[in-house]
C-alpha atoms as a PDB file:
ATOM      1  CA  UNK A   1     -12.193 217.777 135.160  1.00  0.00           C
ATOM      2  CA  UNK A   2     -10.558 218.303 138.393  1.00  0.00           C
ATOM      3  CA  UNK A   3     -12.619 220.359 140.916  1.00  0.00           C
ATOM      4  CA  UNK A   4      -9.553 222.080 141.515  1.00  0.00           C
ATOM      5  CA  UNK A   5      -9.240 223.380 138.188  1.00  0.00           C
ATOM      6  CA  UNK A   6     -13.946 224.508 138.231  1.00  0.00           C
ATOM      7  CA  UNK A   7     -14.389 225.414 142.063  1.00  0.00           C
ATOM      8  CA  UNK A   8     -10.419 227.067 142.872  1.00  0.00           C
ATOM      9  CA  UNK A   9     -12.750 230.239 144.517  1.00  0.00           C
ATOM     10  CA  UNK A  10     -13.618 227.053 146.908  1.00  0.00           C
ATOM     11  CA  UNK A  11     -10.700 227.176 148.655  1.00  0.00           C
ATOM     12  CA  UNK A  12      -9.918 230.920 149.083  1.00  0.00           C
ATOM     13  CA  UNK A  13     -13.544 230.605 150.281  1.00  0.00           C
ATOM     14  CA  UNK A  14     -13.164 227.776 152.670  1.00  0.00           C
ATOM     15  CA  UNK A  15     -11.223 229.981 155.454  1.00  0.00           C
ATOM     16  CA  UNK A  16     -12.863 232.919 155.788  1.00  0.00           C
ATOM     17  CA  UNK A  17     -15.885 230.909 155.674  1.00  0.00           C
ATOM     18  CA  UNK A  18     -14.395 229.234 159.377  1.00  0.00           C
ATOM     19  CA  UNK A  19     -13.698 233.691 160.362  1.00  0.00           C
ATOM     20  CA  UNK A  20     -17.074 234.801 159.266  1.00  0.00           C
ATOM     21  CA  UNK A  21     -19.005 231.365 161.082  1.00  0.00           C
ATOM     22  CA  UNK A  22     -16.510 231.912 164.315  1.00  0.00           C
ATOM     23  CA  UNK A  23     -17.797 235.736 164.569  1.00  0.00           C
ATOM     24  CA  UNK A  24     -21.600 235.711 164.652  1.00  0.00           C
ATOM     25  CA  UNK A  25     -21.074 232.158 166.467  1.00  0.00           C
ATOM     26  CA  UNK A  26     -21.722 232.132 170.447  1.00  0.00           C
ATOM     27  CA  UNK A  27     -19.753 230.617 172.216  1.00  0.00           C
ATOM     28  CA  UNK A  28     -21.165 228.379 175.366  1.00  0.00           C
ATOM     29  CA  UNK A  29     -18.223 228.124 178.398  1.00  0.00           C
ATOM     30  CA  UNK A  30     -17.725 224.854 180.513  1.00  0.00           C
ATOM     31  CA  UNK A  31     -19.469 224.293 183.218  1.00  0.00           C
ATOM     32  CA  UNK A  32     -20.306 221.538 186.088  1.00  0.00           C
ATOM     33  CA  UNK A  33     -24.599 220.262 185.978  1.00  0.00           C
ATOM     34  CA  UNK A  34     -25.234 218.045 188.412  1.00  0.00           C
ATOM     35  CA  UNK A  35     -23.872 215.001 188.059  1.00  0.00           C
ATOM     36  CA  UNK A  36     -22.265 216.142 184.059  1.00  0.00           C
ATOM     37  CA  UNK A  37     -19.510 218.377 183.318  1.00  0.00           C
ATOM     38  CA  UNK A  38     -20.187 220.140 179.976  1.00  0.00           C
ATOM     39  CA  UNK A  39     -16.763 219.823 178.467  1.00  0.00           C
ATOM     40  CA  UNK A  40     -16.973 220.857 174.348  1.00  0.00           C
ATOM     41  CA  UNK A  41     -20.064 223.556 173.152  1.00  0.00           C
ATOM     42  CA  UNK A  42     -20.898 222.709 169.951  1.00  0.00           C
ATOM     43  CA  UNK A  43     -18.613 225.291 167.891  1.00  0.00           C
ATOM     44  CA  UNK A  44     -16.006 223.617 169.270  1.00  0.00           C
ATOM     45  CA  UNK A  45     -17.363 220.556 167.690  1.00  0.00           C
ATOM     46  CA  UNK A  46     -18.208 222.296 164.417  1.00  0.00           C
ATOM     47  CA  UNK A  47     -14.572 223.161 164.513  1.00  0.00           C
ATOM     48  CA  UNK A  48     -13.260 219.925 165.710  1.00  0.00           C
ATOM     49  CA  UNK A  49     -14.468 217.268 163.006  1.00  0.00           C
ATOM     50  CA  UNK A  50     -14.796 219.626 159.700  1.00  0.00           C
ATOM     51  CA  UNK A  51     -10.975 219.869 160.795  1.00  0.00           C
ATOM     52  CA  UNK A  52     -10.128 216.148 161.752  1.00  0.00           C
ATOM     53  CA  UNK A  53     -12.463 214.701 158.942  1.00  0.00           C
ATOM     54  CA  UNK A  54     -10.351 217.390 156.547  1.00  0.00           C
ATOM     55  CA  UNK A  55      -7.583 215.669 157.361  1.00  0.00           C
ATOM     56  CA  UNK A  56      -8.494 212.642 157.247  1.00  0.00           C
ATOM     57  CA  UNK A  57      -9.124 212.118 154.161  1.00  0.00           C
ATOM     58  CA  UNK A  58      -6.373 214.949 152.655  1.00  0.00           C
ATOM     59  CA  UNK A  59      -4.395 212.392 154.185  1.00  0.00           C
ATOM     60  CA  UNK A  60      -5.488 208.740 152.434  1.00  0.00           C
ATOM     61  CA  UNK A  61      -6.142 210.816 149.330  1.00  0.00           C
ATOM     62  CA  UNK A  62      -2.883 212.438 149.145  1.00  0.00           C
ATOM     63  CA  UNK A  63      -1.542 208.234 149.559  1.00  0.00           C
ATOM     64  CA  UNK A  64      -3.244 206.631 146.993  1.00  0.00           C
ATOM     65  CA  UNK A  65      -2.157 209.657 145.269  1.00  0.00           C
ATOM     66  CA  UNK A  66       1.531 209.800 146.298  1.00  0.00           C
ATOM     67  CA  UNK A  67       3.896 211.018 147.964  1.00  0.00           C
ATOM     68  CA  UNK A  68       7.249 211.893 146.884  1.00  0.00           C
ATOM     69  CA  UNK A  69       8.496 209.002 148.370  1.00  0.00           C
ATOM     70  CA  UNK A  70       5.822 206.444 148.426  1.00  0.00           C
ATOM     71  CA  UNK A  71       4.626 205.043 144.917  1.00  0.00           C
ATOM     72  CA  UNK A  72       0.297 206.079 143.691  1.00  0.00           C
ATOM     73  CA  UNK A  73      -1.944 203.905 143.498  1.00  0.00           C
ATOM     74  CA  UNK A  74      -3.677 205.694 140.540  1.00  0.00           C
ATOM     75  CA  UNK A  75      -1.798 207.553 138.235  1.00  0.00           C
ATOM     76  CA  UNK A  76      -4.279 208.866 135.771  1.00  0.00           C
ATOM     77  CA  UNK A  77      -8.002 208.405 134.251  1.00  0.00           C
ATOM     78  CA  UNK A  78     -10.885 208.708 136.124  1.00  0.00           C
ATOM     79  CA  UNK A  79      -9.634 206.847 138.994  1.00  0.00           C
ATOM     80  CA  UNK A  80      -7.282 209.651 139.545  1.00  0.00           C
ATOM     81  CA  UNK A  81      -9.751 212.015 139.437  1.00  0.00           C
ATOM     82  CA  UNK A  82     -12.143 210.963 141.875  1.00  0.00           C
ATOM     83  CA  UNK A  83      -9.292 210.994 144.425  1.00  0.00           C
ATOM     84  CA  UNK A  84      -7.853 214.282 143.380  1.00  0.00           C
ATOM     85  CA  UNK A  85     -11.333 215.669 143.500  1.00  0.00           C
ATOM     86  CA  UNK A  86     -11.809 213.588 147.162  1.00  0.00           C
ATOM     87  CA  UNK A  87      -8.774 215.686 148.348  1.00  0.00           C
ATOM     88  CA  UNK A  88     -10.312 218.649 147.164  1.00  0.00           C
ATOM     89  CA  UNK A  89     -13.575 218.623 149.150  1.00  0.00           C
ATOM     90  CA  UNK A  90     -11.151 217.098 152.890  1.00  0.00           C
ATOM     91  CA  UNK A  91      -9.270 220.013 151.532  1.00  0.00           C
ATOM     92  CA  UNK A  92     -12.221 222.436 151.934  1.00  0.00           C
ATOM     93  CA  UNK A  93     -13.646 221.280 155.021  1.00  0.00           C
ATOM     94  CA  UNK A  94     -10.156 220.967 156.192  1.00  0.00           C
ATOM     95  CA  UNK A  95      -9.246 224.552 156.333  1.00  0.00           C
ATOM     96  CA  UNK A  96     -12.787 225.350 157.064  1.00  0.00           C
ATOM     97  CA  UNK A  97     -12.450 223.911 160.378  1.00  0.00           C
ATOM     98  CA  UNK A  98      -8.211 225.144 160.666  1.00  0.00           C
ATOM     99  CA  UNK A  99      -9.979 228.572 160.473  1.00  0.00           C
ATOM    100  CA  UNK A 100     -12.934 228.569 162.790  1.00  0.00           C
ATOM    101  CA  UNK A 101     -11.214 227.656 165.143  1.00  0.00           C
ATOM    102  CA  UNK A 102      -7.761 229.751 164.777  1.00  0.00           C
ATOM    103  CA  UNK A 103     -11.348 232.808 164.944  1.00  0.00           C
ATOM    104  CA  UNK A 104     -12.335 231.670 167.646  1.00  0.00           C
ATOM    105  CA  UNK A 105      -8.771 231.398 169.411  1.00  0.00           C
ATOM    106  CA  UNK A 106      -8.534 235.333 168.071  1.00  0.00           C
ATOM    107  CA  UNK A 107     -11.793 236.495 170.178  1.00  0.00           C
ATOM    108  CA  UNK A 108     -11.200 234.002 173.046  1.00  0.00           C
ATOM    109  CA  UNK A 109      -8.048 233.758 173.900  1.00  0.00           C
ATOM    110  CA  UNK A 110      -7.958 231.802 176.964  1.00  0.00           C
ATOM    111  CA  UNK A 111      -9.333 229.037 174.632  1.00  0.00           C
ATOM    112  CA  UNK A 112      -5.495 228.872 173.257  1.00  0.00           C
ATOM    113  CA  UNK A 113      -3.562 228.773 176.395  1.00  0.00           C
ATOM    114  CA  UNK A 114      -5.693 225.518 177.829  1.00  0.00           C
ATOM    115  CA  UNK A 115      -3.789 224.182 174.951  1.00  0.00           C
ATOM    116  CA  UNK A 116      -0.673 225.662 175.356  1.00  0.00           C
ATOM    117  CA  UNK A 117       1.679 222.696 177.405  1.00  0.00           C
ATOM    118  CA  UNK A 118       3.351 223.885 180.815  1.00  0.00           C
ATOM    119  CA  UNK A 119       6.995 223.677 181.316  1.00  0.00           C
ATOM    120  CA  UNK A 120       6.941 220.508 183.329  1.00  0.00           C
ATOM    121  CA  UNK A 121       5.076 218.879 180.277  1.00  0.00           C
ATOM    122  CA  UNK A 122       6.811 215.636 179.537  1.00  0.00           C
ATOM    123  CA  UNK A 123       7.196 215.584 183.871  1.00  0.00           C
ATOM    124  CA  UNK A 124       3.419 214.952 184.052  1.00  0.00           C
ATOM    125  CA  UNK A 125       3.306 213.225 180.957  1.00  0.00           C
ATOM    126  CA  UNK A 126       5.071 210.951 182.349  1.00  0.00           C
ATOM    127  CA  UNK A 127       3.871 210.429 185.776  1.00  0.00           C
ATOM    128  CA  UNK A 128       0.243 210.600 183.775  1.00  0.00           C
ATOM    129  CA  UNK A 129       0.466 207.193 181.729  1.00  0.00           C
ATOM    130  CA  UNK A 130       2.823 205.624 184.466  1.00  0.00           C
ATOM    131  CA  UNK A 131      -0.310 205.556 186.841  1.00  0.00           C
ATOM    132  CA  UNK A 132      -2.016 204.591 184.222  1.00  0.00           C
ATOM    133  CA  UNK A 133      -0.293 201.504 183.363  1.00  0.00           C
ATOM    134  CA  UNK A 134      -0.042 201.072 187.290  1.00  0.00           C
ATOM    135  CA  UNK A 135       3.456 202.222 187.863  1.00  0.00           C
ATOM    136  CA  UNK A 136       3.857 202.579 191.952  1.00  0.00           C
ATOM    137  CA  UNK A 137       5.913 205.140 192.175  1.00  0.00           C
ATOM    138  CA  UNK A 138       3.580 207.129 190.197  1.00  0.00           C
ATOM    139  CA  UNK A 139       0.854 209.475 191.480  1.00  0.00           C
ATOM    140  CA  UNK A 140      -1.316 210.658 189.218  1.00  0.00           C
ATOM    141  CA  UNK A 141      -0.831 214.758 188.308  1.00  0.00           C
ATOM    142  CA  UNK A 142      -3.881 217.122 188.597  1.00  0.00           C
ATOM    143  CA  UNK A 143      -4.277 217.581 185.227  1.00  0.00           C
ATOM    144  CA  UNK A 144      -5.812 220.600 183.525  1.00  0.00           C
ATOM    145  CA  UNK A 145      -8.820 220.049 180.977  1.00  0.00           C
ATOM    146  CA  UNK A 146      -6.644 218.663 178.255  1.00  0.00           C
ATOM    147  CA  UNK A 147      -3.786 216.961 179.576  1.00  0.00           C
ATOM    148  CA  UNK A 148      -0.137 218.092 179.129  1.00  0.00           C
ATOM    149  CA  UNK A 149       0.027 215.008 176.643  1.00  0.00           C
ATOM    150  CA  UNK A 150      -2.215 216.064 174.438  1.00  0.00           C
ATOM    151  CA  UNK A 151      -1.129 219.898 174.501  1.00  0.00           C
ATOM    152  CA  UNK A 152       2.432 218.329 173.533  1.00  0.00           C
ATOM    153  CA  UNK A 153       0.878 216.943 170.526  1.00  0.00           C
ATOM    154  CA  UNK A 154      -1.425 220.726 170.207  1.00  0.00           C
ATOM    155  CA  UNK A 155       2.116 221.906 169.169  1.00  0.00           C
ATOM    156  CA  UNK A 156       3.421 219.409 165.747  1.00  0.00           C
ATOM    157  CA  UNK A 157      -0.817 219.507 165.456  1.00  0.00           C
ATOM    158  CA  UNK A 158      -0.475 223.551 165.411  1.00  0.00           C
ATOM    159  CA  UNK A 159       3.011 223.471 163.288  1.00  0.00           C
ATOM    160  CA  UNK A 160       2.556 219.972 160.718  1.00  0.00           C
ATOM    161  CA  UNK A 161      -1.174 222.469 160.359  1.00  0.00           C
ATOM    162  CA  UNK A 162       0.654 225.596 159.484  1.00  0.00           C
ATOM    163  CA  UNK A 163       3.102 223.998 156.962  1.00  0.00           C
ATOM    164  CA  UNK A 164       0.047 221.978 155.251  1.00  0.00           C
ATOM    165  CA  UNK A 165      -2.231 224.791 154.362  1.00  0.00           C
ATOM    166  CA  UNK A 166       1.638 227.381 153.264  1.00  0.00           C
ATOM    167  CA  UNK A 167       2.503 224.862 151.107  1.00  0.00           C
ATOM    168  CA  UNK A 168      -1.275 223.232 150.396  1.00  0.00           C
ATOM    169  CA  UNK A 169      -1.998 226.841 149.043  1.00  0.00           C
ATOM    170  CA  UNK A 170       1.214 227.699 147.037  1.00  0.00           C
ATOM    171  CA  UNK A 171       0.578 224.018 145.301  1.00  0.00           C
ATOM    172  CA  UNK A 172      -3.367 225.141 144.612  1.00  0.00           C
ATOM    173  CA  UNK A 173      -2.372 227.830 142.645  1.00  0.00           C
ATOM    174  CA  UNK A 174       0.481 226.844 140.868  1.00  0.00           C
ATOM    175  CA  UNK A 175      -2.101 224.150 139.302  1.00  0.00           C
ATOM    176  CA  UNK A 176      -3.976 226.895 138.959  1.00  0.00           C
ATOM    177  CA  UNK A 177      -2.269 230.414 137.911  1.00  0.00           C
ATOM    178  CA  UNK A 178       0.921 230.474 138.348  1.00  0.00           C
ATOM    179  CA  UNK A 179       4.168 229.168 137.343  1.00  0.00           C
ATOM    180  CA  UNK A 180       6.566 228.759 139.801  1.00  0.00           C
ATOM    181  CA  UNK A 181      10.420 227.466 139.462  1.00  0.00           C
ATOM    182  CA  UNK A 182      11.234 223.646 139.274  1.00  0.00           C
ATOM    183  CA  UNK A 183      12.866 224.063 142.155  1.00  0.00           C
ATOM    184  CA  UNK A 184      10.910 225.875 144.094  1.00  0.00           C
ATOM    185  CA  UNK A 185       7.579 223.643 144.033  1.00  0.00           C
ATOM    186  CA  UNK A 186      10.247 220.532 144.743  1.00  0.00           C
ATOM    187  CA  UNK A 187      10.776 222.339 148.391  1.00  0.00           C
ATOM    188  CA  UNK A 188       7.329 223.578 148.792  1.00  0.00           C
ATOM    189  CA  UNK A 189       5.405 219.377 147.330  1.00  0.00           C
ATOM    190  CA  UNK A 190       8.670 217.937 150.081  1.00  0.00           C
ATOM    191  CA  UNK A 191       7.223 220.411 152.376  1.00  0.00           C
ATOM    192  CA  UNK A 192       4.036 219.265 152.104  1.00  0.00           C
ATOM    193  CA  UNK A 193       4.660 215.020 152.125  1.00  0.00           C
ATOM    194  CA  UNK A 194       6.950 215.684 154.649  1.00  0.00           C
ATOM    195  CA  UNK A 195       4.603 217.291 156.771  1.00  0.00           C
ATOM    196  CA  UNK A 196       1.898 215.156 156.058  1.00  0.00           C
ATOM    197  CA  UNK A 197       3.667 212.505 157.385  1.00  0.00           C
ATOM    198  CA  UNK A 198       4.578 214.124 160.802  1.00  0.00           C
ATOM    199  CA  UNK A 199       0.312 214.484 160.339  1.00  0.00           C
ATOM    200  CA  UNK A 200      -0.400 210.801 160.532  1.00  0.00           C
ATOM    201  CA  UNK A 201       1.793 210.176 162.854  1.00  0.00           C
ATOM    202  CA  UNK A 202      -0.601 212.761 164.934  1.00  0.00           C
ATOM    203  CA  UNK A 203      -3.904 211.619 163.137  1.00  0.00           C
ATOM    204  CA  UNK A 204      -2.774 207.691 164.439  1.00  0.00           C
ATOM    205  CA  UNK A 205      -1.390 208.704 167.779  1.00  0.00           C
ATOM    206  CA  UNK A 206      -4.732 210.936 169.355  1.00  0.00           C
ATOM    207  CA  UNK A 207      -7.545 208.284 167.811  1.00  0.00           C
ATOM    208  CA  UNK A 208      -6.137 206.064 169.777  1.00  0.00           C
ATOM    209  CA  UNK A 209      -5.551 207.915 173.069  1.00  0.00           C
ATOM    210  CA  UNK A 210      -8.532 209.766 172.582  1.00  0.00           C
ATOM    211  CA  UNK A 211     -10.824 206.748 171.458  1.00  0.00           C
ATOM    212  CA  UNK A 212      -8.920 203.285 171.705  1.00  0.00           C
ATOM    213  CA  UNK A 213      -7.481 203.082 174.605  1.00  0.00           C
ATOM    214  CA  UNK A 214     -10.836 201.969 177.227  1.00  0.00           C
ATOM    215  CA  UNK A 215      -9.526 205.450 180.129  1.00  0.00           C
ATOM    216  CA  UNK A 216     -10.155 207.519 177.653  1.00  0.00           C
ATOM    217  CA  UNK A 217     -13.938 205.957 176.630  1.00  0.00           C
ATOM    218  CA  UNK A 218     -15.515 208.118 179.216  1.00  0.00           C
ATOM    219  CA  UNK A 219     -14.307 211.589 178.337  1.00  0.00           C
ATOM    220  CA  UNK A 220     -14.295 210.719 174.114  1.00  0.00           C
ATOM    221  CA  UNK A 221     -18.240 211.671 174.347  1.00  0.00           C
ATOM    222  CA  UNK A 222     -18.162 214.946 175.320  1.00  0.00           C
ATOM    223  CA  UNK A 223     -16.240 215.840 171.604  1.00  0.00           C
ATOM    224  CA  UNK A 224     -19.855 214.223 170.048  1.00  0.00           C
ATOM    225  CA  UNK A 225     -22.365 215.993 172.489  1.00  0.00           C
ATOM    226  CA  UNK A 226     -20.416 217.879 175.027  1.00  0.00           C
ATOM    227  CA  UNK A 227     -21.213 216.194 178.245  1.00  0.00           C
ATOM    228  CA  UNK A 228     -18.861 213.948 179.926  1.00  0.00           C
ATOM    229  CA  UNK A 229     -19.418 212.467 183.515  1.00  0.00           C
ATOM    230  CA  UNK A 230     -18.597 214.839 186.241  1.00  0.00           C
ATOM    231  CA  UNK A 231     -16.932 212.401 188.532  1.00  0.00           C
ATOM    232  CA  UNK A 232     -14.878 211.766 185.421  1.00  0.00           C
ATOM    233  CA  UNK A 233     -13.357 214.946 185.797  1.00  0.00           C
ATOM    234  CA  UNK A 234     -12.773 215.024 189.094  1.00  0.00           C
ATOM    235  CA  UNK A 235     -10.354 212.094 188.876  1.00  0.00           C
ATOM    236  CA  UNK A 236      -8.955 213.109 185.598  1.00  0.00           C
ATOM    237  CA  UNK A 237      -9.467 216.889 185.247  1.00  0.00           C
ATOM    238  CA  UNK A 238      -8.280 217.754 189.381  1.00  0.00           C
ATOM    239  CA  UNK A 239      -7.240 220.856 187.834  1.00  0.00           C
ATOM    240  CA  UNK A 240      -9.882 221.779 185.296  1.00  0.00           C
ATOM    241  CA  UNK A 241     -12.639 220.457 188.436  1.00  0.00           C
ATOM    242  CA  UNK A 242     -11.297 222.859 190.996  1.00  0.00           C
ATOM    243  CA  UNK A 243     -11.220 226.189 188.273  1.00  0.00           C
ATOM    244  CA  UNK A 244     -14.664 225.625 187.511  1.00  0.00           C
ATOM    245  CA  UNK A 245     -15.409 225.798 190.794  1.00  0.00           C
ATOM    246  CA  UNK A 246     -13.469 228.546 191.658  1.00  0.00           C
ATOM    247  CA  UNK A 247     -15.459 230.676 189.460  1.00  0.00           C
ATOM    248  CA  UNK A 248     -18.989 229.095 190.092  1.00  0.00           C
ATOM    249  CA  UNK A 249     -19.333 227.558 187.641  1.00  0.00           C
ATOM    250  CA  UNK A 250     -21.690 224.369 189.070  1.00  0.00           C
ATOM    251  CA  UNK A 251     -25.252 224.039 188.594  1.00  0.00           C
ATOM    252  CA  UNK A 252     -25.856 221.151 191.087  1.00  0.00           C
ATOM    253  CA  UNK A 253     -29.538 220.845 190.332  1.00  0.00           C
ATOM    254  CA  UNK A 254     -29.752 217.981 187.498  1.00  0.00           C
ATOM    255  CA  UNK A 255     -30.290 219.058 183.644  1.00  0.00           C
ATOM    256  CA  UNK A 256     -30.870 217.162 179.800  1.00  0.00           C
ATOM    257  CA  UNK A 257     -27.298 217.402 179.194  1.00  0.00           C
ATOM    258  CA  UNK A 258     -28.954 215.152 175.618  1.00  0.00           C
ATOM    259  CA  UNK A 259     -31.120 217.820 174.848  1.00  0.00           C
ATOM    260  CA  UNK A 260     -29.010 219.927 173.106  1.00  0.00           C
ATOM    261  CA  UNK A 261     -27.955 216.902 170.789  1.00  0.00           C
ATOM    262  CA  UNK A 262     -31.255 216.331 169.761  1.00  0.00           C
ATOM    263  CA  UNK A 263     -31.887 220.229 169.027  1.00  0.00           C
ATOM    264  CA  UNK A 264     -29.173 220.146 166.422  1.00  0.00           C
END
């Protein structure tokens, strides 16, 4: 039997669990230590990976089971139940990670503001990648902790997440408890599936620019161990490093950045 039928309370519990852990964990702010910069603390990494892995598994399982406008690779039988259960686990992970992040932004609103694009975000993004591609007329812009291109993508991901959560919860409720009009459920399903397609486009672009292209390789490990090279931060995130220095978040004595990861 699908876990959506057996364990629907887990879907309801996941958002509250995310908010609860956001309230009890202790956050660590970014800082410069020796030749490295502390970029992402453990709660940031947990919220990121539970959200990201949940999204990835939701997208794969949803495509396998079929969208409104795509064929289903499995439609019934044991295989369909397995993929529905994969979707269930991914949904729980996605909800936990999303609401863990939401709780963190409620507690520390400046973390949310860091993700919002500036008025000139499009122009800065053109300059940034134009410079990367060797266009000589473009100078490297002074970026903050997150690139303006990442901030633009963040707005899209945020909108897709809201639509997926609302439509997904309605579908779960209708599956377990409620009987809703067919026309309404058809609109909800279309909303859910179209949002999934937009999220898939964002996800592919995010993985490509954050982990695959060579110029991301020095920054990507910060989402695994928390740290990135100082020279990379000073070159790619000039405005952010300047702010850390202005706020006195500098420790020149070398630290052991992998100790935290080992302790986890």
